[in-house]
Amino acid sequence: MAYRVIGGLEPAGAIGVALGRVVPLYGGLAGFGLLMLLAGAVITHVRKGNGLPKLAPAVACAALVAWYLVLLADLWPVSAATRPVSEPTAGLAD
């Protein structure tokens, strides 16, 4: 039974992440849900004593979802080299 629930949550999360560019709230909630799902997968693999080949996909996907959430929340610092020209810089004299 749990496999059916997980099997339904995974595509729902993928659709929500895809909609995240249009509706950031959906993307954030879906990303958080996928991150929790993948955390459960990592915990299950560790408890079962599975080796790195079975653990690596869950860890890699969790890292990608975490990176997506960071980008969606705009938490990544923007350097002066990548800042758009129209964006004002605070504290710099013209």
PDB file of N, CA and C in Angstrom:
ATOM      1  N   MET A   1       0.818  -1.203   0.000  1.00  0.00           N
ATOM      2  CA  MET A   1       0.000   0.000   0.000  1.00  0.00           C
ATOM      3  C   MET A   1       0.856   1.260   0.000  1.00  0.00           C
ATOM      4  N   ALA A   2       1.933   1.258   0.772  1.00  0.00           N
ATOM      5  CA  ALA A   2       2.784   2.451   0.842  1.00  0.00           C
ATOM      6  C   ALA A   2       3.404   2.764  -0.508  1.00  0.00           C
ATOM      7  N   TYR A   3       3.684   1.714  -1.300  1.00  0.00           N
ATOM      8  CA  TYR A   3       4.277   1.940  -2.614  1.00  0.00           C
ATOM      9  C   TYR A   3       3.326   2.707  -3.527  1.00  0.00           C
ATOM     10  N   ARG A   4       2.043   2.454  -3.384  1.00  0.00           N
ATOM     11  CA  ARG A   4       1.062   3.175  -4.207  1.00  0.00           C
ATOM     12  C   ARG A   4       0.999   4.649  -3.812  1.00  0.00           C
ATOM     13  N   VAL A   5       1.066   4.909  -2.536  1.00  0.00           N
ATOM     14  CA  VAL A   5       1.039   6.304  -2.071  1.00  0.00           C
ATOM     15  C   VAL A   5       2.286   7.029  -2.561  1.00  0.00           C
ATOM     16  N   ILE A   6       3.435   6.398  -2.377  1.00  0.00           N
ATOM     17  CA  ILE A   6       4.691   7.007  -2.829  1.00  0.00           C
ATOM     18  C   ILE A   6       4.671   7.186  -4.340  1.00  0.00           C
ATOM     19  N   GLY A   7       4.171   6.173  -5.038  1.00  0.00           N
ATOM     20  CA  GLY A   7       4.068   6.256  -6.494  1.00  0.00           C
ATOM     21  C   GLY A   7       3.153   7.373  -6.959  1.00  0.00           C
ATOM     22  N   GLY A   8       2.187   7.747  -6.166  1.00  0.00           N
ATOM     23  CA  GLY A   8       1.318   8.875  -6.502  1.00  0.00           C
ATOM     24  C   GLY A   8       1.916  10.213  -6.122  1.00  0.00           C
ATOM     25  N   LEU A   9       2.695  10.233  -5.044  1.00  0.00           N
ATOM     26  CA  LEU A   9       3.295  11.485  -4.588  1.00  0.00           C
ATOM     27  C   LEU A   9       4.435  11.950  -5.500  1.00  0.00           C
ATOM     28  N   GLU A  10       5.185  10.997  -6.042  1.00  0.00           N
ATOM     29  CA  GLU A  10       6.326  11.370  -6.879  1.00  0.00           C
ATOM     30  C   GLU A  10       5.923  12.162  -8.120  1.00  0.00           C
ATOM     31  N   PRO A  11       4.965  11.676  -8.945  1.00  0.00           N
ATOM     32  CA  PRO A  11       4.577  12.494 -10.105  1.00  0.00           C
ATOM     33  C   PRO A  11       3.865  13.782  -9.704  1.00  0.00           C
ATOM     34  N   ALA A  12       3.123  13.760  -8.596  1.00  0.00           N
ATOM     35  CA  ALA A  12       2.475  14.995  -8.129  1.00  0.00           C
ATOM     36  C   ALA A  12       3.534  16.026  -7.755  1.00  0.00           C
ATOM     37  N   GLY A  13       4.602  15.569  -7.101  1.00  0.00           N
ATOM     38  CA  GLY A  13       5.696  16.476  -6.759  1.00  0.00           C
ATOM     39  C   GLY A  13       6.397  17.006  -7.988  1.00  0.00           C
ATOM     40  N   ALA A  14       6.594  16.149  -8.977  1.00  0.00           N
ATOM     41  CA  ALA A  14       7.253  16.585 -10.215  1.00  0.00           C
ATOM     42  C   ALA A  14       6.413  17.637 -10.942  1.00  0.00           C
ATOM     43  N   ILE A  15       5.103  17.441 -10.973  1.00  0.00           N
ATOM     44  CA  ILE A  15       4.219  18.424 -11.606  1.00  0.00           C
ATOM     45  C   ILE A  15       4.254  19.737 -10.828  1.00  0.00           C
ATOM     46  N   GLY A  16       4.218  19.645  -9.514  1.00  0.00           N
ATOM     47  CA  GLY A  16       4.282  20.862  -8.691  1.00  0.00           C
ATOM     48  C   GLY A  16       5.586  21.615  -8.871  1.00  0.00           C
ATOM     49  N   VAL A  17       6.684  20.890  -8.976  1.00  0.00           N
ATOM     50  CA  VAL A  17       7.984  21.534  -9.202  1.00  0.00           C
ATOM     51  C   VAL A  17       7.996  22.206 -10.576  1.00  0.00           C
ATOM     52  N   ALA A  18       7.414  21.538 -11.576  1.00  0.00           N
ATOM     53  CA  ALA A  18       7.355  22.131 -12.916  1.00  0.00           C
ATOM     54  C   ALA A  18       6.504  23.400 -12.919  1.00  0.00           C
ATOM     55  N   LEU A  19       5.458  23.428 -12.099  1.00  0.00           N
ATOM     56  CA  LEU A  19       4.608  24.620 -12.014  1.00  0.00           C
ATOM     57  C   LEU A  19       5.232  25.728 -11.163  1.00  0.00           C
ATOM     58  N   GLY A  20       6.326  25.420 -10.499  1.00  0.00           N
ATOM     59  CA  GLY A  20       6.961  26.375  -9.595  1.00  0.00           C
ATOM     60  C   GLY A  20       7.404  27.668 -10.242  1.00  0.00           C
ATOM     61  N   ARG A  21       7.706  27.627 -11.530  1.00  0.00           N
ATOM     62  CA  ARG A  21       8.087  28.870 -12.213  1.00  0.00           C
ATOM     63  C   ARG A  21       6.899  29.800 -12.380  1.00  0.00           C
ATOM     64  N   VAL A  22       5.711  29.225 -12.522  1.00  0.00           N
ATOM     65  CA  VAL A  22       4.505  30.022 -12.716  1.00  0.00           C
ATOM     66  C   VAL A  22       3.856  30.363 -11.372  1.00  0.00           C
ATOM     67  N   VAL A  23       3.767  29.364 -10.486  1.00  0.00           N
ATOM     68  CA  VAL A  23       3.160  29.541  -9.166  1.00  0.00           C
ATOM     69  C   VAL A  23       4.189  29.091  -8.122  1.00  0.00           C
ATOM     70  N   PRO A  24       5.031  30.011  -7.643  1.00  0.00           N
ATOM     71  CA  PRO A  24       6.106  29.622  -6.725  1.00  0.00           C
ATOM     72  C   PRO A  24       5.637  28.894  -5.464  1.00  0.00           C
ATOM     73  N   LEU A  25       4.440  29.182  -4.993  1.00  0.00           N
ATOM     74  CA  LEU A  25       3.937  28.491  -3.805  1.00  0.00           C
ATOM     75  C   LEU A  25       3.808  26.993  -4.069  1.00  0.00           C
ATOM     76  N   TYR A  26       3.252  26.627  -5.223  1.00  0.00           N
ATOM     77  CA  TYR A  26       3.138  25.210  -5.583  1.00  0.00           C
ATOM     78  C   TYR A  26       4.513  24.569  -5.692  1.00  0.00           C
ATOM     79  N   GLY A  27       5.435  25.275  -6.318  1.00  0.00           N
ATOM     80  CA  GLY A  27       6.790  24.751  -6.464  1.00  0.00           C
ATOM     81  C   GLY A  27       7.470  24.536  -5.126  1.00  0.00           C
ATOM     82  N   GLY A  28       7.287  25.480  -4.223  1.00  0.00           N
ATOM     83  CA  GLY A  28       7.890  25.354  -2.900  1.00  0.00           C
ATOM     84  C   GLY A  28       7.295  24.219  -2.094  1.00  0.00           C
ATOM     85  N   LEU A  29       5.969  24.110  -2.112  1.00  0.00           N
ATOM     86  CA  LEU A  29       5.322  23.026  -1.380  1.00  0.00           C
ATOM     87  C   LEU A  29       5.666  21.666  -1.978  1.00  0.00           C
ATOM     88  N   ALA A  30       5.655  21.585  -3.300  1.00  0.00           N
ATOM     89  CA  ALA A  30       5.996  20.324  -3.957  1.00  0.00           C
ATOM     90  C   ALA A  30       7.457  19.960  -3.703  1.00  0.00           C
ATOM     91  N   GLY A  31       8.335  20.955  -3.770  1.00  0.00           N
ATOM     92  CA  GLY A  31       9.750  20.701  -3.508  1.00  0.00           C
ATOM     93  C   GLY A  31       9.976  20.227  -2.079  1.00  0.00           C
ATOM     94  N   PHE A  32       9.300  20.846  -1.137  1.00  0.00           N
ATOM     95  CA  PHE A  32       9.423  20.427   0.263  1.00  0.00           C
ATOM     96  C   PHE A  32       8.898  19.005   0.437  1.00  0.00           C
ATOM     97  N   GLY A  33       7.774  18.709  -0.196  1.00  0.00           N
ATOM     98  CA  GLY A  33       7.225  17.357  -0.118  1.00  0.00           C
ATOM     99  C   GLY A  33       8.162  16.320  -0.712  1.00  0.00           C
ATOM    100  N   LEU A  34       8.757  16.637  -1.865  1.00  0.00           N
ATOM    101  CA  LEU A  34       9.719  15.720  -2.472  1.00  0.00           C
ATOM    102  C   LEU A  34      10.953  15.558  -1.589  1.00  0.00           C
ATOM    103  N   LEU A  35      11.381  16.637  -0.974  1.00  0.00           N
ATOM    104  CA  LEU A  35      12.548  16.556  -0.098  1.00  0.00           C
ATOM    105  C   LEU A  35      12.261  15.642   1.098  1.00  0.00           C
ATOM    106  N   MET A  36      11.064  15.718   1.662  1.00  0.00           N
ATOM    107  CA  MET A  36      10.697  14.836   2.765  1.00  0.00           C
ATOM    108  C   MET A  36      10.594  13.377   2.292  1.00  0.00           C
ATOM    109  N   LEU A  37      10.043  13.179   1.098  1.00  0.00           N
ATOM    110  CA  LEU A  37       9.945  11.840   0.526  1.00  0.00           C
ATOM    111  C   LEU A  37      11.336  11.240   0.318  1.00  0.00           C
ATOM    112  N   LEU A  38      12.242  12.033  -0.207  1.00  0.00           N
ATOM    113  CA  LEU A  38      13.609  11.560  -0.444  1.00  0.00           C
ATOM    114  C   LEU A  38      14.370  11.362   0.864  1.00  0.00           C
ATOM    115  N   ALA A  39      14.090  12.173   1.857  1.00  0.00           N
ATOM    116  CA  ALA A  39      14.711  11.957   3.170  1.00  0.00           C
ATOM    117  C   ALA A  39      14.271  10.615   3.735  1.00  0.00           C
ATOM    118  N   GLY A  40      13.004  10.280   3.554  1.00  0.00           N
ATOM    119  CA  GLY A  40      12.518   8.971   3.971  1.00  0.00           C
ATOM    120  C   GLY A  40      13.201   7.845   3.217  1.00  0.00           C
ATOM    121  N   ALA A  41      13.456   8.059   1.929  1.00  0.00           N
ATOM    122  CA  ALA A  41      14.154   7.046   1.135  1.00  0.00           C
ATOM    123  C   ALA A  41      15.583   6.852   1.634  1.00  0.00           C
ATOM    124  N   VAL A  42      16.265   7.954   1.931  1.00  0.00           N
ATOM    125  CA  VAL A  42      17.643   7.865   2.439  1.00  0.00           C
ATOM    126  C   VAL A  42      17.658   7.132   3.777  1.00  0.00           C
ATOM    127  N   ILE A  43      16.751   7.485   4.663  1.00  0.00           N
ATOM    128  CA  ILE A  43      16.685   6.836   5.982  1.00  0.00           C
ATOM    129  C   ILE A  43      16.415   5.336   5.821  1.00  0.00           C
ATOM    130  N   THR A  44      15.501   4.984   4.927  1.00  0.00           N
ATOM    131  CA  THR A  44      15.180   3.573   4.704  1.00  0.00           C
ATOM    132  C   THR A  44      16.389   2.810   4.176  1.00  0.00           C
ATOM    133  N   HIS A  45      17.109   3.385   3.218  1.00  0.00           N
ATOM    134  CA  HIS A  45      18.302   2.723   2.672  1.00  0.00           C
ATOM    135  C   HIS A  45      19.379   2.554   3.742  1.00  0.00           C
ATOM    136  N   VAL A  46      19.556   3.558   4.571  1.00  0.00           N
ATOM    137  CA  VAL A  46      20.568   3.468   5.633  1.00  0.00           C
ATOM    138  C   VAL A  46      20.173   2.401   6.657  1.00  0.00           C
ATOM    139  N   ARG A  47      18.913   2.380   7.056  1.00  0.00           N
ATOM    140  CA  ARG A  47      18.451   1.383   8.042  1.00  0.00           C
ATOM    141  C   ARG A  47      18.577  -0.042   7.523  1.00  0.00           C
ATOM    142  N   LYS A  48      18.330  -0.218   6.224  1.00  0.00           N
ATOM    143  CA  LYS A  48      18.414  -1.553   5.644  1.00  0.00           C
ATOM    144  C   LYS A  48      19.866  -1.962   5.384  1.00  0.00           C
ATOM    145  N   GLY A  49      20.788  -1.038   5.512  1.00  0.00           N
ATOM    146  CA  GLY A  49      22.195  -1.345   5.284  1.00  0.00           C
ATOM    147  C   GLY A  49      22.545  -1.455   3.813  1.00  0.00           C
ATOM    148  N   ASN A  50      21.754  -0.832   2.963  1.00  0.00           N
ATOM    149  CA  ASN A  50      22.058  -0.849   1.534  1.00  0.00           C
ATOM    150  C   ASN A  50      23.355  -0.100   1.271  1.00  0.00           C
ATOM    151  N   GLY A  51      24.049  -0.513   0.272  1.00  0.00           N
ATOM    152  CA  GLY A  51      25.308   0.127  -0.066  1.00  0.00           C
ATOM    153  C   GLY A  51      25.111   1.432  -0.816  1.00  0.00           C
ATOM    154  N   LEU A  52      26.212   2.043  -1.157  1.00  0.00           N
ATOM    155  CA  LEU A  52      26.208   3.325  -1.855  1.00  0.00           C
ATOM    156  C   LEU A  52      25.486   3.280  -3.203  1.00  0.00           C
ATOM    157  N   PRO A  53      25.586   2.189  -3.972  1.00  0.00           N
ATOM    158  CA  PRO A  53      24.872   2.180  -5.259  1.00  0.00           C
ATOM    159  C   PRO A  53      23.361   2.361  -5.131  1.00  0.00           C
ATOM    160  N   LYS A  54      22.765   1.885  -4.048  1.00  0.00           N
ATOM    161  CA  LYS A  54      21.323   2.060  -3.862  1.00  0.00           C
ATOM    162  C   LYS A  54      20.994   3.354  -3.133  1.00  0.00           C
ATOM    163  N   LEU A  55      21.942   3.882  -2.388  1.00  0.00           N
ATOM    164  CA  LEU A  55      21.723   5.106  -1.615  1.00  0.00           C
ATOM    165  C   LEU A  55      21.971   6.360  -2.453  1.00  0.00           C
ATOM    166  N   ALA A  56      22.910   6.290  -3.379  1.00  0.00           N
ATOM    167  CA  ALA A  56      23.334   7.473  -4.140  1.00  0.00           C
ATOM    168  C   ALA A  56      22.207   8.163  -4.917  1.00  0.00           C
ATOM    169  N   PRO A  57      21.317   7.433  -5.611  1.00  0.00           N
ATOM    170  CA  PRO A  57      20.257   8.148  -6.337  1.00  0.00           C
ATOM    171  C   PRO A  57      19.357   8.985  -5.433  1.00  0.00           C
ATOM    172  N   ALA A  58      19.007   8.465  -4.273  1.00  0.00           N
ATOM    173  CA  ALA A  58      18.147   9.222  -3.353  1.00  0.00           C
ATOM    174  C   ALA A  58      18.866  10.459  -2.833  1.00  0.00           C
ATOM    175  N   VAL A  59      20.156  10.322  -2.514  1.00  0.00           N
ATOM    176  CA  VAL A  59      20.932  11.463  -2.022  1.00  0.00           C
ATOM    177  C   VAL A  59      21.092  12.507  -3.127  1.00  0.00           C
ATOM    178  N   ALA A  60      21.380  12.054  -4.346  1.00  0.00           N
ATOM    179  CA  ALA A  60      21.555  12.991  -5.460  1.00  0.00           C
ATOM    180  C   ALA A  60      20.258  13.737  -5.764  1.00  0.00           C
ATOM    181  N   CYS A  61      19.146  13.026  -5.783  1.00  0.00           N
ATOM    182  CA  CYS A  61      17.857  13.679  -6.043  1.00  0.00           C
ATOM    183  C   CYS A  61      17.487  14.650  -4.925  1.00  0.00           C
ATOM    184  N   ALA A  62      17.774  14.274  -3.691  1.00  0.00           N
ATOM    185  CA  ALA A  62      17.502  15.175  -2.568  1.00  0.00           C
ATOM    186  C   ALA A  62      18.344  16.446  -2.686  1.00  0.00           C
ATOM    187  N   ALA A  63      19.589  16.302  -3.104  1.00  0.00           N
ATOM    188  CA  ALA A  63      20.449  17.482  -3.285  1.00  0.00           C
ATOM    189  C   ALA A  63      19.913  18.375  -4.398  1.00  0.00           C
ATOM    190  N   LEU A  64      19.426  17.784  -5.480  1.00  0.00           N
ATOM    191  CA  LEU A  64      18.860  18.584  -6.575  1.00  0.00           C
ATOM    192  C   LEU A  64      17.595  19.319  -6.137  1.00  0.00           C
ATOM    193  N   VAL A  65      16.749  18.653  -5.386  1.00  0.00           N
ATOM    194  CA  VAL A  65      15.514  19.295  -4.903  1.00  0.00           C
ATOM    195  C   VAL A  65      15.855  20.418  -3.918  1.00  0.00           C
ATOM    196  N   ALA A  66      16.842  20.184  -3.052  1.00  0.00           N
ATOM    197  CA  ALA A  66      17.261  21.229  -2.112  1.00  0.00           C
ATOM    198  C   ALA A  66      17.799  22.442  -2.874  1.00  0.00           C
ATOM    199  N   TRP A  67      18.579  22.189  -3.928  1.00  0.00           N
ATOM    200  CA  TRP A  67      19.116  23.286  -4.748  1.00  0.00           C
ATOM    201  C   TRP A  67      17.972  24.041  -5.433  1.00  0.00           C
ATOM    202  N   TYR A  68      16.974  23.313  -5.929  1.00  0.00           N
ATOM    203  CA  TYR A  68      15.808  23.933  -6.539  1.00  0.00           C
ATOM    204  C   TYR A  68      15.113  24.861  -5.546  1.00  0.00           C
ATOM    205  N   LEU A  69      14.951  24.399  -4.308  1.00  0.00           N
ATOM    206  CA  LEU A  69      14.280  25.219  -3.289  1.00  0.00           C
ATOM    207  C   LEU A  69      15.092  26.471  -2.965  1.00  0.00           C
ATOM    208  N   VAL A  70      16.412  26.344  -2.943  1.00  0.00           N
ATOM    209  CA  VAL A  70      17.264  27.517  -2.697  1.00  0.00           C
ATOM    210  C   VAL A  70      17.089  28.528  -3.823  1.00  0.00           C
ATOM    211  N   LEU A  71      17.101  28.049  -5.057  1.00  0.00           N
ATOM    212  CA  LEU A  71      16.922  28.959  -6.191  1.00  0.00           C
ATOM    213  C   LEU A  71      15.521  29.555  -6.219  1.00  0.00           C
ATOM    214  N   LEU A  72      14.513  28.750  -5.894  1.00  0.00           N
ATOM    215  CA  LEU A  72      13.137  29.241  -5.892  1.00  0.00           C
ATOM    216  C   LEU A  72      12.938  30.313  -4.828  1.00  0.00           C
ATOM    217  N   ALA A  73      13.567  30.133  -3.681  1.00  0.00           N
ATOM    218  CA  ALA A  73      13.437  31.107  -2.590  1.00  0.00           C
ATOM    219  C   ALA A  73      14.351  32.308  -2.785  1.00  0.00           C
ATOM    220  N   ASP A  74      15.154  32.276  -3.839  1.00  0.00           N
ATOM    221  CA  ASP A  74      16.086  33.368  -4.148  1.00  0.00           C
ATOM    222  C   ASP A  74      17.042  33.615  -2.980  1.00  0.00           C
ATOM    223  N   LEU A  75      17.556  32.537  -2.403  1.00  0.00           N
ATOM    224  CA  LEU A  75      18.491  32.634  -1.286  1.00  0.00           C
ATOM    225  C   LEU A  75      19.948  32.633  -1.730  1.00  0.00           C
ATOM    226  N   TRP A  76      20.196  32.301  -2.996  1.00  0.00           N
ATOM    227  CA  TRP A  76      21.561  32.255  -3.475  1.00  0.00           C
ATOM    228  C   TRP A  76      22.048  33.689  -3.704  1.00  0.00           C
ATOM    229  N   PRO A  77      23.204  34.058  -3.148  1.00  0.00           N
ATOM    230  CA  PRO A  77      23.683  35.432  -3.320  1.00  0.00           C
ATOM    231  C   PRO A  77      24.049  35.717  -4.771  1.00  0.00           C
ATOM    232  N   VAL A  78      23.695  36.900  -5.199  1.00  0.00           N
ATOM    233  CA  VAL A  78      24.011  37.326  -6.565  1.00  0.00           C
ATOM    234  C   VAL A  78      25.244  38.202  -6.507  1.00  0.00           C
ATOM    235  N   SER A  79      26.256  37.842  -7.271  1.00  0.00           N
ATOM    236  CA  SER A  79      27.477  38.646  -7.288  1.00  0.00           C
ATOM    237  C   SER A  79      27.289  39.849  -8.204  1.00  0.00           C
ATOM    238  N   ALA A  80      28.187  40.805  -8.113  1.00  0.00           N
ATOM    239  CA  ALA A  80      28.113  42.011  -8.934  1.00  0.00           C
ATOM    240  C   ALA A  80      28.254  41.665 -10.417  1.00  0.00           C
ATOM    241  N   ALA A  81      28.970  40.599 -10.732  1.00  0.00           N
ATOM    242  CA  ALA A  81      29.176  40.219 -12.124  1.00  0.00           C
ATOM    243  C   ALA A  81      27.903  39.660 -12.755  1.00  0.00           C
ATOM    244  N   THR A  82      27.039  39.044 -11.986  1.00  0.00           N
ATOM    245  CA  THR A  82      25.825  38.451 -12.539  1.00  0.00           C
ATOM    246  C   THR A  82      24.575  39.269 -12.256  1.00  0.00           C
ATOM    247  N   ARG A  83      24.716  40.394 -11.540  1.00  0.00           N
ATOM    248  CA  ARG A  83      23.558  41.231 -11.217  1.00  0.00           C
ATOM    249  C   ARG A  83      23.098  41.961 -12.482  1.00  0.00           C
ATOM    250  N   PRO A  84      21.796  41.991 -12.735  1.00  0.00           N
ATOM    251  CA  PRO A  84      21.304  42.729 -13.899  1.00  0.00           C
ATOM    252  C   PRO A  84      21.661  44.208 -13.797  1.00  0.00           C
ATOM    253  N   VAL A  85      21.869  44.827 -14.927  1.00  0.00           N
ATOM    254  CA  VAL A  85      22.279  46.226 -14.957  1.00  0.00           C
ATOM    255  C   VAL A  85      21.220  47.125 -14.350  1.00  0.00           C
ATOM    256  N   SER A  86      19.946  46.800 -14.527  1.00  0.00           N
ATOM    257  CA  SER A  86      18.867  47.653 -14.025  1.00  0.00           C
ATOM    258  C   SER A  86      18.708  47.587 -12.508  1.00  0.00           C
ATOM    259  N   GLU A  87      19.327  46.601 -11.870  1.00  0.00           N
ATOM    260  CA  GLU A  87      19.178  46.465 -10.419  1.00  0.00           C
ATOM    261  C   GLU A  87      20.161  47.399  -9.712  1.00  0.00           C
ATOM    262  N   PRO A  88      19.662  48.275  -8.852  1.00  0.00           N
ATOM    263  CA  PRO A  88      20.568  49.200  -8.171  1.00  0.00           C
ATOM    264  C   PRO A  88      21.446  48.483  -7.156  1.00  0.00           C
ATOM    265  N   THR A  89      22.638  48.989  -6.974  1.00  0.00           N
ATOM    266  CA  THR A  89      23.534  48.422  -5.976  1.00  0.00           C
ATOM    267  C   THR A  89      23.568  49.364  -4.783  1.00  0.00           C
ATOM    268  N   ALA A  90      23.348  48.824  -3.625  1.00  0.00           N
ATOM    269  CA  ALA A  90      23.290  49.627  -2.405  1.00  0.00           C
ATOM    270  C   ALA A  90      24.685  49.982  -1.957  1.00  0.00           C
ATOM    271  N   GLY A  91      24.886  51.223  -1.568  1.00  0.00           N
ATOM    272  CA  GLY A  91      26.144  51.656  -0.985  1.00  0.00           C
ATOM    273  C   GLY A  91      27.227  52.026  -1.971  1.00  0.00           C
ATOM    274  N   LEU A  92      26.962  51.940  -3.254  1.00  0.00           N
ATOM    275  CA  LEU A  92      27.983  52.303  -4.246  1.00  0.00           C
ATOM    276  C   LEU A  92      27.644  53.660  -4.838  1.00  0.00           C
ATOM    277  N   ALA A  93      28.622  54.537  -4.865  1.00  0.00           N
ATOM    278  CA  ALA A  93      28.411  55.867  -5.437  1.00  0.00           C
ATOM    279  C   ALA A  93      28.549  55.792  -6.952  1.00  0.00           C
ATOM    280  N   ASP A  94      27.709  56.563  -7.646  1.00  0.00           N
ATOM    281  CA  ASP A  94      27.770  56.593  -9.122  1.00  0.00           C
ATOM    282  C   ASP A  94      28.794  57.551  -9.603  1.00  0.00           C
TER     283      ASP A  94
END
